[in-house]
Protein backbone atom coordinates (compact mmCIF):
# COMPACT_ATOMS: atom_id res chain seq x y z
CA MET A 1 15.03 1.35 16.94
CA SER A 2 12.73 3.19 15.14
CA LYS A 3 11.95 2.82 11.25
CA LYS A 4 11.32 5.37 9.01
CA LEU A 5 9.18 5.38 6.20
CA GLY A 6 7.80 8.47 3.93
CA ILE A 7 4.76 8.60 1.70
CA THR A 8 4.20 11.34 -0.78
CA LEU A 9 1.05 12.24 -1.66
CA PRO A 10 -0.68 14.67 -4.44
CA HIS A 11 -2.24 16.74 -1.64
CA LEU A 12 -3.95 15.93 1.72
CA GLY A 13 -7.61 16.78 0.19
CA GLY A 14 -10.13 13.97 -0.16
CA THR A 15 -8.75 11.06 -2.57
CA GLN A 16 -9.14 7.74 -2.75
CA VAL A 17 -5.29 7.23 -2.87
CA GLY A 18 -5.04 9.12 0.18
CA LEU A 19 -7.44 7.92 2.15
CA GLU A 20 -6.54 4.33 1.38
CA ILE A 21 -3.05 5.44 2.41
CA ILE A 22 -4.08 7.01 5.79
CA GLU A 23 -6.08 3.86 6.72
CA ALA A 24 -3.03 1.70 5.92
CA VAL A 25 -0.96 4.04 8.32
CA GLN A 26 -3.75 4.20 10.87
CA SER A 27 -4.04 0.20 10.77
CA HIS A 28 0.02 0.27 11.23
CA TYR A 29 -0.22 2.15 13.77
CA ALA A 30 -2.53 0.47 15.82
CA ASN A 31 -0.43 -2.65 16.34
CA ASN A 32 3.17 -1.00 16.13
CA TRP A 33 4.41 2.76 16.99
CA THR A 34 7.93 2.11 16.38
CA THR A 35 7.99 3.37 12.73
CA ASP A 36 8.02 6.96 12.32
CA ILE A 37 6.29 7.84 9.41
CA SER A 38 5.89 11.14 7.23
CA LEU A 39 3.44 12.28 5.08
CA PHE A 40 4.55 14.58 2.10
CA HIS A 41 2.13 16.63 -0.21
CA GLU A 42 3.01 18.43 -3.27
CA GLU A 43 0.12 20.77 -3.30
CA VAL A 44 -1.22 22.66 -0.54
CA LEU A 45 -5.27 21.97 0.03
CA PRO A 46 -7.48 21.87 3.27
CA SER A 47 -6.99 18.45 4.97
CA ALA A 48 -9.97 15.99 4.82
CA PHE A 49 -8.60 13.66 7.02
CA GLY A 50 -7.15 13.48 10.40
CA PHE A 51 -3.44 12.36 10.18
CA PRO A 52 -1.91 9.67 12.92
CA CYS A 53 1.45 11.22 11.60
CA ALA A 54 3.72 14.17 10.30
CA ALA A 55 2.56 15.95 7.16
CA PHE A 56 5.19 17.83 5.59
CA PRO A 57 5.68 19.96 2.00
CA CYS A 58 7.33 17.89 -0.90
CA ILE A 59 10.31 20.21 -0.61
CA GLU A 60 11.24 18.67 2.92
CA LEU A 61 12.23 15.50 0.76
CA THR A 62 15.89 17.21 -0.12
CA GLY A 63 16.60 16.73 3.81
CA TYR A 64 14.66 13.35 4.61
CA ASP A 65 16.81 10.30 5.23
CA GLY A 66 14.70 7.65 5.00
CA PRO A 67 13.01 5.36 2.36
CA VAL A 68 10.31 6.94 0.38
CA ILE A 69 6.81 5.61 -1.71
CA THR A 70 5.54 8.30 -3.72
CA THR A 71 1.93 7.67 -5.55
CA SER A 72 2.09 10.27 -8.61
CA LEU A 73 4.27 10.58 -11.91
CA ARG A 74 4.88 13.99 -10.92
CA SER A 75 6.28 13.19 -7.45
CA ALA A 76 8.27 9.89 -8.87
CA ALA A 77 10.17 12.59 -11.13
CA LYS A 78 11.04 14.72 -8.22
CA LEU A 79 11.85 11.82 -5.98
CA ILE A 80 14.49 10.05 -8.70
CA ASN A 81 16.83 13.04 -8.01
CA CYS A 82 16.80 13.18 -4.17
CA VAL A 83 20.02 11.62 -3.43
CA THR A 84 19.48 11.69 0.75
CA ILE A 85 16.63 8.83 0.04
CA PRO A 86 17.95 5.28 0.36
CA ARG A 87 15.26 3.63 -1.10
CA LYS A 88 12.54 4.84 -3.91
CA TRP A 89 9.12 2.84 -4.48
CA PHE A 90 6.14 4.22 -7.21
CA TYR A 91 3.16 3.05 -6.15
CA VAL A 92 1.30 3.04 -9.29
CA PHE A 93 -2.19 3.93 -7.80
CA ASP A 94 -3.59 5.47 -11.17
CA LEU A 95 -3.06 5.26 -14.74
CA GLU A 96 -2.04 8.73 -15.28
CA TRP A 97 -1.00 9.03 -18.87
CA ILE A 98 -4.61 8.37 -19.48
CA TRP A 99 -4.83 12.19 -18.22
CA GLY A 100 -2.28 13.29 -20.90
CA THR A 101 -0.53 15.31 -17.77
CA MET A 102 2.99 14.63 -19.32
CA GLU A 103 4.48 13.28 -22.67
CA TYR A 104 5.17 9.67 -23.49
CA SER A 105 8.92 10.08 -23.46
CA GLU A 106 8.88 11.55 -19.82
CA MET A 107 6.51 8.98 -18.26
CA ALA A 108 8.52 6.17 -19.63
CA ALA A 109 11.79 7.90 -18.28
CA ILE A 110 10.28 8.02 -14.86
CA TYR A 111 8.70 4.19 -15.26
CA ARG A 112 11.83 2.48 -16.80
CA ASN A 113 14.09 4.83 -14.02
CA PRO A 114 15.87 2.26 -12.14
CA LYS A 115 16.28 4.06 -9.04
CA LEU A 116 12.44 3.52 -8.87
CA GLU A 117 10.50 -0.04 -7.61
CA LEU A 118 7.49 0.04 -9.31
CA ILE A 119 4.45 -1.70 -7.49
CA ALA A 120 1.16 -1.76 -9.34
CA ARG A 121 -2.38 -1.54 -7.83
CA SER A 122 -3.60 -4.55 -9.49
CA ASP A 123 -2.33 -7.36 -12.14
CA GLU A 124 -3.94 -5.50 -14.64
CA TYR A 125 -2.18 -2.27 -14.12
CA ALA A 126 0.56 -4.29 -13.69
CA ASP A 127 0.02 -5.60 -17.48
CA TYR A 128 -0.52 -2.16 -18.72
CA ILE A 129 2.37 -0.61 -17.51
CA GLU A 130 4.83 -2.91 -18.72
CA ASN A 131 3.63 -3.20 -22.01
CA ALA A 132 3.13 0.36 -22.18
CA PHE A 133 6.89 1.16 -21.12
CA ASN A 134 8.45 -1.91 -21.39
CA CYS A 135 9.66 -1.73 -17.66
CA GLN A 136 9.17 -4.34 -15.02
CA ILE A 137 6.76 -4.23 -12.19
CA HIS A 138 8.71 -5.42 -9.01
CA ALA A 139 5.20 -6.23 -6.99
CA VAL A 140 1.47 -6.08 -7.29
CA MET A 141 -0.26 -4.50 -3.87
CA PRO A 142 -4.32 -4.40 -4.30
CA LYS A 143 -4.63 -2.73 -0.98
CA PHE A 144 -1.87 -0.54 0.18
CA GLU A 145 -0.16 -1.76 3.43
CA VAL A 146 2.75 -0.09 5.47
CA SER A 147 4.53 -3.18 6.66
CA PRO A 148 5.57 -4.71 3.16
CA PHE A 149 8.10 -1.49 3.08
CA LEU A 150 9.41 -1.95 6.06
CA ALA A 151 11.44 -5.64 5.70
């Protein structure tokens, strides 16, 4: 039986988080082709990578029925309200509040939302997030991997 997994990215251009996720998907598919992995992007930019799986605009999440990992505050805010998605993780790759893209109250509502399981990129990031937003990090994953999300 095929398992499904969706992953959101800000865009499919050349970013560190995008490259890390693409490498993880390729590594996963090297040993296991029974997972149906889909990438969802917020913005349309020229692709910097070849993809081993399907890629769709984030609007397609409204009809997606598999678990989803999000990688940005903006997509996490949208993912919270997707009722068809059974499990939602927020892989915190960047400390986006440093960039000042959202008000603190908006970010706190995302980080504290019980519908999202927070995964930090490092122990240091976990400490920063827990202290800044009074929330719980569920796991730390220094290098993104697909298999923990399929268990």
